[in-house]
Amino acid sequence: MRRPWHLTRIGPAGLLFEPSEGLNPSAALDYIEDLVQVLLSSESRYLYYDVKDVAIIDTVYYQWLLQLERSCRLLGVRLVVLHMRPETAFALGRSLDGPIPFSCAQGLDRPPV
């Protein structure tokens, strides 16, 4: 199966995750096992998830991010979402009941919040 994402090593402890058009967030469980294996073999401490090409983070996409964050946390990996558009963050924030469990940053050169 072709992975619907691209991974790039970022320094000694990070991986940059760039989703492609084929990523289906409703099939999250199909991806988690593969990603866990990659994270374990890479010994990464950070997974930087780039959402610059994701216009809308709806409930289904947010659930995918939550499942990914839980898996990362179990491995001792910190999930950092990069390049979230202001309008996407605003729309997502209006639909949440509490804080998001992952960090966000505008780029790799800026610290996550």
PDB file of N, CA and C in Angstrom:
ATOM      1  N   MET A   1       0.835  -1.184   0.000  1.00  0.00           N
ATOM      2  CA  MET A   1       0.000   0.000   0.000  1.00  0.00           C
ATOM      3  C   MET A   1       0.882   1.250   0.000  1.00  0.00           C
ATOM      4  N   ARG A   2       0.588   2.158  -0.892  1.00  0.00           N
ATOM      5  CA  ARG A   2       1.313   3.428  -0.956  1.00  0.00           C
ATOM      6  C   ARG A   2       0.851   4.314   0.183  1.00  0.00           C
ATOM      7  N   ARG A   3       1.800   4.871   0.889  1.00  0.00           N
ATOM      8  CA  ARG A   3       1.466   5.746   2.006  1.00  0.00           C
ATOM      9  C   ARG A   3       0.930   7.076   1.489  1.00  0.00           C
ATOM     10  N   PRO A   4      -0.180   7.551   2.066  1.00  0.00           N
ATOM     11  CA  PRO A   4      -0.733   8.834   1.632  1.00  0.00           C
ATOM     12  C   PRO A   4      -0.101  10.013   2.376  1.00  0.00           C
ATOM     13  N   TRP A   5       1.192   9.950   2.538  1.00  0.00           N
ATOM     14  CA  TRP A   5       1.939  11.016   3.187  1.00  0.00           C
ATOM     15  C   TRP A   5       3.400  10.894   2.799  1.00  0.00           C
ATOM     16  N   HIS A   6       4.134  11.945   3.098  1.00  0.00           N
ATOM     17  CA  HIS A   6       5.575  11.952   2.870  1.00  0.00           C
ATOM     18  C   HIS A   6       6.244  12.286   4.195  1.00  0.00           C
ATOM     19  N   LEU A   7       7.299  11.550   4.531  1.00  0.00           N
ATOM     20  CA  LEU A   7       8.052  11.798   5.768  1.00  0.00           C
ATOM     21  C   LEU A   7       9.459  12.245   5.437  1.00  0.00           C
ATOM     22  N   THR A   8       9.916  13.265   6.154  1.00  0.00           N
ATOM     23  CA  THR A   8      11.269  13.779   5.986  1.00  0.00           C
ATOM     24  C   THR A   8      11.913  13.902   7.358  1.00  0.00           C
ATOM     25  N   ARG A   9      13.126  13.408   7.485  1.00  0.00           N
ATOM     26  CA  ARG A   9      13.864  13.533   8.745  1.00  0.00           C
ATOM     27  C   ARG A   9      14.197  15.005   8.969  1.00  0.00           C
ATOM     28  N   ILE A  10      13.921  15.505  10.185  1.00  0.00           N
ATOM     29  CA  ILE A  10      14.236  16.878  10.590  1.00  0.00           C
ATOM     30  C   ILE A  10      15.168  16.787  11.796  1.00  0.00           C
ATOM     31  N   GLY A  11      16.433  16.976  11.558  1.00  0.00           N
ATOM     32  CA  GLY A  11      17.403  16.868  12.642  1.00  0.00           C
ATOM     33  C   GLY A  11      17.463  15.450  13.188  1.00  0.00           C
ATOM     34  N   PRO A  12      18.116  15.271  14.322  1.00  0.00           N
ATOM     35  CA  PRO A  12      18.289  13.918  14.858  1.00  0.00           C
ATOM     36  C   PRO A  12      17.038  13.359  15.544  1.00  0.00           C
ATOM     37  N   ALA A  13      16.052  14.229  15.876  1.00  0.00           N
ATOM     38  CA  ALA A  13      14.945  13.754  16.703  1.00  0.00           C
ATOM     39  C   ALA A  13      13.566  14.015  16.124  1.00  0.00           C
ATOM     40  N   GLY A  14      13.475  14.455  14.874  1.00  0.00           N
ATOM     41  CA  GLY A  14      12.162  14.797  14.356  1.00  0.00           C
ATOM     42  C   GLY A  14      11.875  14.243  12.984  1.00  0.00           C
ATOM     43  N   LEU A  15      10.583  14.103  12.703  1.00  0.00           N
ATOM     44  CA  LEU A  15      10.101  13.727  11.381  1.00  0.00           C
ATOM     45  C   LEU A  15       9.043  14.735  10.965  1.00  0.00           C
ATOM     46  N   LEU A  16       9.112  15.163   9.709  1.00  0.00           N
ATOM     47  CA  LEU A  16       8.107  16.043   9.131  1.00  0.00           C
ATOM     48  C   LEU A  16       7.126  15.177   8.360  1.00  0.00           C
ATOM     49  N   PHE A  17       5.849  15.247   8.731  1.00  0.00           N
ATOM     50  CA  PHE A  17       4.769  14.485   8.115  1.00  0.00           C
ATOM     51  C   PHE A  17       3.983  15.438   7.222  1.00  0.00           C
ATOM     52  N   GLU A  18       3.954  15.132   5.920  1.00  0.00           N
ATOM     53  CA  GLU A  18       3.196  15.944   4.972  1.00  0.00           C
ATOM     54  C   GLU A  18       2.138  15.052   4.334  1.00  0.00           C
ATOM     55  N   PRO A  19       0.856  15.285   4.670  1.00  0.00           N
ATOM     56  CA  PRO A  19      -0.195  14.452   4.089  1.00  0.00           C
ATOM     57  C   PRO A  19      -0.357  14.749   2.607  1.00  0.00           C
ATOM     58  N   SER A  20      -0.737  13.727   1.849  1.00  0.00           N
ATOM     59  CA  SER A  20      -1.004  13.919   0.420  1.00  0.00           C
ATOM     60  C   SER A  20      -2.511  13.855   0.194  1.00  0.00           C
ATOM     61  N   GLU A  21      -2.923  14.083  -1.037  1.00  0.00           N
ATOM     62  CA  GLU A  21      -4.348  14.084  -1.366  1.00  0.00           C
ATOM     63  C   GLU A  21      -5.030  12.762  -1.038  1.00  0.00           C
ATOM     64  N   GLY A  22      -4.298  11.682  -1.050  1.00  0.00           N
ATOM     65  CA  GLY A  22      -4.890  10.376  -0.799  1.00  0.00           C
ATOM     66  C   GLY A  22      -5.181  10.074   0.655  1.00  0.00           C
ATOM     67  N   LEU A  23      -4.794  10.957   1.563  1.00  0.00           N
ATOM     68  CA  LEU A  23      -5.031  10.698   2.986  1.00  0.00           C
ATOM     69  C   LEU A  23      -6.524  10.766   3.274  1.00  0.00           C
ATOM     70  N   ASN A  24      -7.049   9.707   3.833  1.00  0.00           N
ATOM     71  CA  ASN A  24      -8.460   9.639   4.198  1.00  0.00           C
ATOM     72  C   ASN A  24      -8.538   9.613   5.720  1.00  0.00           C
ATOM     73  N   PRO A  25      -8.852  10.742   6.353  1.00  0.00           N
ATOM     74  CA  PRO A  25      -8.855  10.783   7.818  1.00  0.00           C
ATOM     75  C   PRO A  25      -9.872   9.850   8.459  1.00  0.00           C
ATOM     76  N   SER A  26     -10.888   9.432   7.725  1.00  0.00           N
ATOM     77  CA  SER A  26     -11.855   8.497   8.307  1.00  0.00           C
ATOM     78  C   SER A  26     -11.290   7.077   8.370  1.00  0.00           C
ATOM     79  N   ALA A  27     -10.151   6.835   7.730  1.00  0.00           N
ATOM     80  CA  ALA A  27      -9.489   5.525   7.771  1.00  0.00           C
ATOM     81  C   ALA A  27      -8.249   5.584   8.661  1.00  0.00           C
ATOM     82  N   ALA A  28      -8.318   6.373   9.715  1.00  0.00           N
ATOM     83  CA  ALA A  28      -7.160   6.614  10.572  1.00  0.00           C
ATOM     84  C   ALA A  28      -6.517   5.332  11.092  1.00  0.00           C
ATOM     85  N   LEU A  29      -7.328   4.380  11.481  1.00  0.00           N
ATOM     86  CA  LEU A  29      -6.770   3.147  12.038  1.00  0.00           C
ATOM     87  C   LEU A  29      -5.930   2.389  11.023  1.00  0.00           C
ATOM     88  N   ASP A  30      -6.216   2.586   9.747  1.00  0.00           N
ATOM     89  CA  ASP A  30      -5.411   1.941   8.705  1.00  0.00           C
ATOM     90  C   ASP A  30      -3.991   2.506   8.671  1.00  0.00           C
ATOM     91  N   TYR A  31      -3.823   3.726   9.133  1.00  0.00           N
ATOM     92  CA  TYR A  31      -2.527   4.409   9.066  1.00  0.00           C
ATOM     93  C   TYR A  31      -1.711   4.321  10.355  1.00  0.00           C
ATOM     94  N   ILE A  32      -2.403   4.230  11.480  1.00  0.00           N
ATOM     95  CA  ILE A  32      -1.726   4.335  12.777  1.00  0.00           C
ATOM     96  C   ILE A  32      -0.644   3.266  12.944  1.00  0.00           C
ATOM     97  N   GLU A  33      -0.946   2.026  12.629  1.00  0.00           N
ATOM     98  CA  GLU A  33       0.035   0.952  12.829  1.00  0.00           C
ATOM     99  C   GLU A  33       1.305   1.217  12.027  1.00  0.00           C
ATOM    100  N   ASP A  34       1.147   1.621  10.783  1.00  0.00           N
ATOM    101  CA  ASP A  34       2.301   1.916   9.933  1.00  0.00           C
ATOM    102  C   ASP A  34       3.106   3.084  10.502  1.00  0.00           C
ATOM    103  N   LEU A  35       2.419   4.125  10.927  1.00  0.00           N
ATOM    104  CA  LEU A  35       3.119   5.281  11.495  1.00  0.00           C
ATOM    105  C   LEU A  35       3.838   4.938  12.789  1.00  0.00           C
ATOM    106  N   VAL A  36       3.213   4.115  13.613  1.00  0.00           N
ATOM    107  CA  VAL A  36       3.860   3.695  14.866  1.00  0.00           C
ATOM    108  C   VAL A  36       5.161   2.962  14.554  1.00  0.00           C
ATOM    109  N   GLN A  37       5.139   2.078  13.578  1.00  0.00           N
ATOM    110  CA  GLN A  37       6.360   1.356  13.200  1.00  0.00           C
ATOM    111  C   GLN A  37       7.445   2.312  12.719  1.00  0.00           C
ATOM    112  N   VAL A  38       7.064   3.297  11.920  1.00  0.00           N
ATOM    113  CA  VAL A  38       8.027   4.286  11.431  1.00  0.00           C
ATOM    114  C   VAL A  38       8.605   5.081  12.600  1.00  0.00           C
ATOM    115  N   LEU A  39       7.740   5.527  13.497  1.00  0.00           N
ATOM    116  CA  LEU A  39       8.206   6.314  14.642  1.00  0.00           C
ATOM    117  C   LEU A  39       9.141   5.496  15.538  1.00  0.00           C
ATOM    118  N   LEU A  40       8.801   4.242  15.760  1.00  0.00           N
ATOM    119  CA  LEU A  40       9.662   3.380  16.583  1.00  0.00           C
ATOM    120  C   LEU A  40      11.026   3.168  15.946  1.00  0.00           C
ATOM    121  N   SER A  41      11.041   2.925  14.656  1.00  0.00           N
ATOM    122  CA  SER A  41      12.321   2.655  13.991  1.00  0.00           C
ATOM    123  C   SER A  41      13.165   3.924  13.825  1.00  0.00           C
ATOM    124  N   SER A  42      12.517   5.069  13.797  1.00  0.00           N
ATOM    125  CA  SER A  42      13.264   6.317  13.609  1.00  0.00           C
ATOM    126  C   SER A  42      13.786   6.904  14.916  1.00  0.00           C
ATOM    127  N   GLU A  43      13.259   6.425  16.029  1.00  0.00           N
ATOM    128  CA  GLU A  43      13.627   6.936  17.357  1.00  0.00           C
ATOM    129  C   GLU A  43      13.386   8.444  17.458  1.00  0.00           C
ATOM    130  N   SER A  44      12.353   8.921  16.796  1.00  0.00           N
ATOM    131  CA  SER A  44      12.021  10.346  16.812  1.00  0.00           C
ATOM    132  C   SER A  44      11.355  10.730  18.121  1.00  0.00           C
ATOM    133  N   ARG A  45      11.556  11.971  18.505  1.00  0.00           N
ATOM    134  CA  ARG A  45      10.888  12.524  19.682  1.00  0.00           C
ATOM    135  C   ARG A  45       9.813  13.525  19.289  1.00  0.00           C
ATOM    136  N   TYR A  46       9.826  13.952  18.018  1.00  0.00           N
ATOM    137  CA  TYR A  46       8.854  14.918  17.516  1.00  0.00           C
ATOM    138  C   TYR A  46       8.308  14.456  16.170  1.00  0.00           C
ATOM    139  N   LEU A  47       7.003  14.613  15.995  1.00  0.00           N
ATOM    140  CA  LEU A  47       6.378  14.420  14.699  1.00  0.00           C
ATOM    141  C   LEU A  47       5.737  15.760  14.338  1.00  0.00           C
ATOM    142  N   TYR A  48       6.292  16.401  13.322  1.00  0.00           N
ATOM    143  CA  TYR A  48       5.789  17.692  12.854  1.00  0.00           C
ATOM    144  C   TYR A  48       4.801  17.421  11.723  1.00  0.00           C
ATOM    145  N   TYR A  49       3.548  17.739  11.940  1.00  0.00           N
ATOM    146  CA  TYR A  49       2.477  17.456  10.986  1.00  0.00           C
ATOM    147  C   TYR A  49       2.125  18.750  10.267  1.00  0.00           C
ATOM    148  N   ASP A  50       2.422  18.820   8.988  1.00  0.00           N
ATOM    149  CA  ASP A  50       2.233  20.042   8.210  1.00  0.00           C
ATOM    150  C   ASP A  50       0.837  20.073   7.593  1.00  0.00           C
ATOM    151  N   VAL A  51       0.021  21.043   8.007  1.00  0.00           N
ATOM    152  CA  VAL A  51      -1.349  21.155   7.498  1.00  0.00           C
ATOM    153  C   VAL A  51      -1.523  22.347   6.551  1.00  0.00           C
ATOM    154  N   LYS A  52      -0.424  22.819   5.972  1.00  0.00           N
ATOM    155  CA  LYS A  52      -0.516  24.003   5.105  1.00  0.00           C
ATOM    156  C   LYS A  52      -1.453  23.794   3.915  1.00  0.00           C
ATOM    157  N   ASP A  53      -1.618  22.561   3.461  1.00  0.00           N
ATOM    158  CA  ASP A  53      -2.500  22.285   2.332  1.00  0.00           C
ATOM    159  C   ASP A  53      -3.863  21.740   2.769  1.00  0.00           C
ATOM    160  N   VAL A  54      -4.136  21.770   4.068  1.00  0.00           N
ATOM    161  CA  VAL A  54      -5.416  21.296   4.595  1.00  0.00           C
ATOM    162  C   VAL A  54      -6.284  22.523   4.878  1.00  0.00           C
ATOM    163  N   ALA A  55      -7.277  22.733   4.036  1.00  0.00           N
ATOM    164  CA  ALA A  55      -8.113  23.935   4.161  1.00  0.00           C
ATOM    165  C   ALA A  55      -9.079  23.856   5.331  1.00  0.00           C
ATOM    166  N   ILE A  56      -9.627  22.683   5.574  1.00  0.00           N
ATOM    167  CA  ILE A  56     -10.628  22.523   6.632  1.00  0.00           C
ATOM    168  C   ILE A  56     -10.254  21.345   7.508  1.00  0.00           C
ATOM    169  N   ILE A  57     -10.267  21.578   8.801  1.00  0.00           N
ATOM    170  CA  ILE A  57     -10.102  20.485   9.754  1.00  0.00           C
ATOM    171  C   ILE A  57     -11.473  20.287  10.387  1.00  0.00           C
ATOM    172  N   ASP A  58     -12.225  19.351   9.808  1.00  0.00           N
ATOM    173  CA  ASP A  58     -13.568  19.071  10.316  1.00  0.00           C
ATOM    174  C   ASP A  58     -13.466  18.056  11.455  1.00  0.00           C
ATOM    175  N   THR A  59     -14.608  17.594  11.923  1.00  0.00           N
ATOM    176  CA  THR A  59     -14.639  16.653  13.046  1.00  0.00           C
ATOM    177  C   THR A  59     -13.884  15.369  12.727  1.00  0.00           C
ATOM    178  N   VAL A  60     -14.041  14.853  11.519  1.00  0.00           N
ATOM    179  CA  VAL A  60     -13.371  13.608  11.126  1.00  0.00           C
ATOM    180  C   VAL A  60     -11.861  13.802  11.094  1.00  0.00           C
ATOM    181  N   TYR A  61     -11.401  14.911  10.512  1.00  0.00           N
ATOM    182  CA  TYR A  61      -9.963  15.166  10.443  1.00  0.00           C
ATOM    183  C   TYR A  61      -9.401  15.398  11.849  1.00  0.00           C
ATOM    184  N   TYR A  62     -10.151  16.114  12.682  1.00  0.00           N
ATOM    185  CA  TYR A  62      -9.701  16.355  14.046  1.00  0.00           C
ATOM    186  C   TYR A  62      -9.599  15.037  14.825  1.00  0.00           C
ATOM    187  N   GLN A  63     -10.548  14.123  14.625  1.00  0.00           N
ATOM    188  CA  GLN A  63     -10.464  12.815  15.285  1.00  0.00           C
ATOM    189  C   GLN A  63      -9.216  12.059  14.848  1.00  0.00           C
ATOM    190  N   TRP A  64      -8.851  12.164  13.569  1.00  0.00           N
ATOM    191  CA  TRP A  64      -7.615  11.554  13.064  1.00  0.00           C
ATOM    192  C   TRP A  64      -6.414  12.140  13.799  1.00  0.00           C
ATOM    193  N   LEU A  65      -6.378  13.469  13.935  1.00  0.00           N
ATOM    194  CA  LEU A  65      -5.265  14.110  14.655  1.00  0.00           C
ATOM    195  C   LEU A  65      -5.223  13.673  16.118  1.00  0.00           C
ATOM    196  N   LEU A  66      -6.388  13.517  16.737  1.00  0.00           N
ATOM    197  CA  LEU A  66      -6.434  13.057  18.131  1.00  0.00           C
ATOM    198  C   LEU A  66      -5.896  11.636  18.256  1.00  0.00           C
ATOM    199  N   GLN A  67      -6.278  10.761  17.335  1.00  0.00           N
ATOM    200  CA  GLN A  67      -5.771   9.376  17.378  1.00  0.00           C
ATOM    201  C   GLN A  67      -4.261   9.348  17.160  1.00  0.00           C
ATOM    202  N   LEU A  68      -3.800  10.189  16.254  1.00  0.00           N
ATOM    203  CA  LEU A  68      -2.363  10.270  16.006  1.00  0.00           C
ATOM    204  C   LEU A  68      -1.641  10.796  17.235  1.00  0.00           C
ATOM    205  N   GLU A  69      -2.202  11.813  17.868  1.00  0.00           N
ATOM    206  CA  GLU A  69      -1.574  12.384  19.072  1.00  0.00           C
ATOM    207  C   GLU A  69      -1.503  11.355  20.190  1.00  0.00           C
ATOM    208  N   ARG A  70      -2.564  10.588  20.396  1.00  0.00           N
ATOM    209  CA  ARG A  70      -2.554   9.549  21.441  1.00  0.00           C
ATOM    210  C   ARG A  70      -1.476   8.502  21.163  1.00  0.00           C
ATOM    211  N   SER A  71      -1.375   8.095  19.914  1.00  0.00           N
ATOM    212  CA  SER A  71      -0.356   7.108  19.552  1.00  0.00           C
ATOM    213  C   SER A  71       1.040   7.672  19.775  1.00  0.00           C
ATOM    214  N   CYS A  72       1.240   8.915  19.365  1.00  0.00           N
ATOM    215  CA  CYS A  72       2.544   9.565  19.566  1.00  0.00           C
ATOM    216  C   CYS A  72       2.877   9.632  21.054  1.00  0.00           C
ATOM    217  N   ARG A  73       1.904  10.069  21.854  1.00  0.00           N
ATOM    218  CA  ARG A  73       2.140  10.226  23.298  1.00  0.00           C
ATOM    219  C   ARG A  73       2.536   8.901  23.932  1.00  0.00           C
ATOM    220  N   LEU A  74       1.894   7.801  23.521  1.00  0.00           N
ATOM    221  CA  LEU A  74       2.241   6.484  24.063  1.00  0.00           C
ATOM    222  C   LEU A  74       3.679   6.090  23.741  1.00  0.00           C
ATOM    223  N   LEU A  75       4.203   6.625  22.650  1.00  0.00           N
ATOM    224  CA  LEU A  75       5.580   6.334  22.236  1.00  0.00           C
ATOM    225  C   LEU A  75       6.575   7.354  22.779  1.00  0.00           C
ATOM    226  N   GLY A  76       6.085   8.366  23.479  1.00  0.00           N
ATOM    227  CA  GLY A  76       6.965   9.419  23.968  1.00  0.00           C
ATOM    228  C   GLY A  76       7.329  10.426  22.892  1.00  0.00           C
ATOM    229  N   VAL A  77       6.480  10.530  21.874  1.00  0.00           N
ATOM    230  CA  VAL A  77       6.701  11.447  20.752  1.00  0.00           C
ATOM    231  C   VAL A  77       5.732  12.614  20.902  1.00  0.00           C
ATOM    232  N   ARG A  78       6.227  13.809  20.673  1.00  0.00           N
ATOM    233  CA  ARG A  78       5.387  15.009  20.754  1.00  0.00           C
ATOM    234  C   ARG A  78       4.890  15.379  19.359  1.00  0.00           C
ATOM    235  N   LEU A  79       3.563  15.492  19.199  1.00  0.00           N
ATOM    236  CA  LEU A  79       2.964  15.905  17.937  1.00  0.00           C
ATOM    237  C   LEU A  79       2.880  17.425  17.910  1.00  0.00           C
ATOM    238  N   VAL A  80       3.427  18.022  16.845  1.00  0.00           N
ATOM    239  CA  VAL A  80       3.379  19.467  16.641  1.00  0.00           C
ATOM    240  C   VAL A  80       2.758  19.709  15.268  1.00  0.00           C
ATOM    241  N   VAL A  81       1.624  20.409  15.252  1.00  0.00           N
ATOM    242  CA  VAL A  81       0.944  20.731  14.000  1.00  0.00           C
ATOM    243  C   VAL A  81       1.493  22.053  13.485  1.00  0.00           C
ATOM    244  N   LEU A  82       1.932  22.047  12.220  1.00  0.00           N
ATOM    245  CA  LEU A  82       2.544  23.223  11.604  1.00  0.00           C
ATOM    246  C   LEU A  82       1.618  23.866  10.578  1.00  0.00           C
ATOM    247  N   HIS A  83       1.781  25.175  10.433  1.00  0.00           N
ATOM    248  CA  HIS A  83       1.168  25.959   9.353  1.00  0.00           C
ATOM    249  C   HIS A  83      -0.357  25.935   9.323  1.00  0.00           C
ATOM    250  N   MET A  84      -1.008  25.871  10.474  1.00  0.00           N
ATOM    251  CA  MET A  84      -2.462  25.913  10.468  1.00  0.00           C
ATOM    252  C   MET A  84      -2.904  27.330  10.100  1.00  0.00           C
ATOM    253  N   ARG A  85      -3.767  27.416   9.118  1.00  0.00           N
ATOM    254  CA  ARG A  85      -4.264  28.709   8.665  1.00  0.00           C
ATOM    255  C   ARG A  85      -5.121  29.353   9.762  1.00  0.00           C
ATOM    256  N   PRO A  86      -5.095  30.681   9.882  1.00  0.00           N
ATOM    257  CA  PRO A  86      -5.910  31.344  10.913  1.00  0.00           C
ATOM    258  C   PRO A  86      -7.397  31.008  10.814  1.00  0.00           C
ATOM    259  N   GLU A  87      -7.936  30.973   9.609  1.00  0.00           N
ATOM    260  CA  GLU A  87      -9.362  30.671   9.458  1.00  0.00           C
ATOM    261  C   GLU A  87      -9.669  29.224   9.833  1.00  0.00           C
ATOM    262  N   THR A  88      -8.715  28.329   9.592  1.00  0.00           N
ATOM    263  CA  THR A  88      -8.881  26.929   9.979  1.00  0.00           C
ATOM    264  C   THR A  88      -8.857  26.809  11.497  1.00  0.00           C
ATOM    265  N   ALA A  89      -7.911  27.493  12.131  1.00  0.00           N
ATOM    266  CA  ALA A  89      -7.813  27.469  13.593  1.00  0.00           C
ATOM    267  C   ALA A  89      -9.067  28.060  14.229  1.00  0.00           C
ATOM    268  N   PHE A  90      -9.573  29.145  13.663  1.00  0.00           N
ATOM    269  CA  PHE A  90     -10.776  29.785  14.194  1.00  0.00           C
ATOM    270  C   PHE A  90     -11.967  28.839  14.113  1.00  0.00           C
ATOM    271  N   ALA A  91     -12.164  28.226  12.950  1.00  0.00           N
ATOM    272  CA  ALA A  91     -13.284  27.301  12.772  1.00  0.00           C
ATOM    273  C   ALA A  91     -13.149  26.099  13.699  1.00  0.00           C
ATOM    274  N   LEU A  92     -11.947  25.577  13.826  1.00  0.00           N
ATOM    275  CA  LEU A  92     -11.715  24.439  14.709  1.00  0.00           C
ATOM    276  C   LEU A  92     -11.980  24.830  16.157  1.00  0.00           C
ATOM    277  N   GLY A  93     -11.481  25.991  16.564  1.00  0.00           N
ATOM    278  CA  GLY A  93     -11.656  26.457  17.940  1.00  0.00           C
ATOM    279  C   GLY A  93     -13.106  26.620  18.340  1.00  0.00           C
ATOM    280  N   ARG A  94     -13.943  27.015  17.406  1.00  0.00           N
ATOM    281  CA  ARG A  94     -15.367  27.209  17.701  1.00  0.00           C
ATOM    282  C   ARG A  94     -16.089  25.885  17.941  1.00  0.00           C
ATOM    283  N   SER A  95     -15.530  24.783  17.456  1.00  0.00           N
ATOM    284  CA  SER A  95     -16.197  23.494  17.605  1.00  0.00           C
ATOM    285  C   SER A  95     -15.632  22.643  18.735  1.00  0.00           C
ATOM    286  N   LEU A  96     -14.633  23.139  19.449  1.00  0.00           N
ATOM    287  CA  LEU A  96     -14.001  22.358  20.507  1.00  0.00           C
ATOM    288  C   LEU A  96     -14.622  22.640  21.874  1.00  0.00           C
ATOM    289  N   ASP A  97     -14.579  21.633  22.735  1.00  0.00           N
ATOM    290  CA  ASP A  97     -15.060  21.789  24.106  1.00  0.00           C
ATOM    291  C   ASP A  97     -13.941  22.132  25.076  1.00  0.00           C
ATOM    292  N   GLY A  98     -12.709  21.872  24.691  1.00  0.00           N
ATOM    293  CA  GLY A  98     -11.574  22.101  25.575  1.00  0.00           C
ATOM    294  C   GLY A  98     -10.324  22.339  24.762  1.00  0.00           C
ATOM    295  N   PRO A  99      -9.175  22.364  25.438  1.00  0.00           N
ATOM    296  CA  PRO A  99      -7.918  22.625  24.720  1.00  0.00           C
ATOM    297  C   PRO A  99      -7.524  21.443  23.834  1.00  0.00           C
ATOM    298  N   ILE A 100      -6.785  21.749  22.779  1.00  0.00           N
ATOM    299  CA  ILE A 100      -6.273  20.690  21.916  1.00  0.00           C
ATOM    300  C   ILE A 100      -5.083  20.030  22.611  1.00  0.00           C
ATOM    301  N   PRO A 101      -4.895  18.730  22.427  1.00  0.00           N
ATOM    302  CA  PRO A 101      -3.818  18.030  23.132  1.00  0.00           C
ATOM    303  C   PRO A 101      -2.457  18.081  22.438  1.00  0.00           C
ATOM    304  N   PHE A 102      -2.390  18.734  21.289  1.00  0.00           N
ATOM    305  CA  PHE A 102      -1.114  18.815  20.581  1.00  0.00           C
ATOM    306  C   PHE A 102      -0.682  20.267  20.495  1.00  0.00           C
ATOM    307  N   SER A 103       0.593  20.464  20.189  1.00  0.00           N
ATOM    308  CA  SER A 103       1.130  21.810  20.042  1.00  0.00           C
ATOM    309  C   SER A 103       0.952  22.279  18.607  1.00  0.00           C
ATOM    310  N   CYS A 104       0.976  23.592  18.424  1.00  0.00           N
ATOM    311  CA  CYS A 104       0.903  24.183  17.089  1.00  0.00           C
ATOM    312  C   CYS A 104       2.060  25.159  16.921  1.00  0.00           C
ATOM    313  N   ALA A 105       2.550  25.288  15.700  1.00  0.00           N
ATOM    314  CA  ALA A 105       3.618  26.242  15.395  1.00  0.00           C
ATOM    315  C   ALA A 105       3.429  26.712  13.968  1.00  0.00           C
ATOM    316  N   GLN A 106       3.897  27.910  13.673  1.00  0.00           N
ATOM    317  CA  GLN A 106       3.785  28.449  12.318  1.00  0.00           C
ATOM    318  C   GLN A 106       4.859  27.892  11.383  1.00  0.00           C
ATOM    319  N   GLY A 107       5.901  27.333  11.929  1.00  0.00           N
ATOM    320  CA  GLY A 107       6.951  26.740  11.118  1.00  0.00           C
ATOM    321  C   GLY A 107       7.987  26.080  11.994  1.00  0.00           C
ATOM    322  N   LEU A 108       8.928  25.412  11.376  1.00  0.00           N
ATOM    323  CA  LEU A 108       9.966  24.728  12.139  1.00  0.00           C
ATOM    324  C   LEU A 108      10.918  25.693  12.822  1.00  0.00           C
ATOM    325  N   ASP A 109      10.969  26.928  12.326  1.00  0.00           N
ATOM    326  CA  ASP A 109      11.880  27.912  12.900  1.00  0.00           C
ATOM    327  C   ASP A 109      11.279  28.637  14.097  1.00  0.00           C
ATOM    328  N   ARG A 110      10.017  28.364  14.407  1.00  0.00           N
ATOM    329  CA  ARG A 110       9.343  29.012  15.532  1.00  0.00           C
ATOM    330  C   ARG A 110       8.956  27.975  16.556  1.00  0.00           C
ATOM    331  N   PRO A 111       9.101  28.281  17.842  1.00  0.00           N
ATOM    332  CA  PRO A 111       8.776  27.290  18.863  1.00  0.00           C
ATOM    333  C   PRO A 111       7.269  27.012  18.913  1.00  0.00           C
ATOM    334  N   PRO A 112       6.893  25.779  19.218  1.00  0.00           N
ATOM    335  CA  PRO A 112       5.470  25.436  19.333  1.00  0.00           C
ATOM    336  C   PRO A 112       4.851  26.055  20.571  1.00  0.00           C
ATOM    337  N   VAL A 113       3.532  26.243  20.504  1.00  0.00           N
ATOM    338  CA  VAL A 113       2.790  26.751  21.664  1.00  0.00           C
ATOM    339  C   VAL A 113       1.783  25.726  22.115  1.00  0.00           C
TER     340      VAL A 113
END
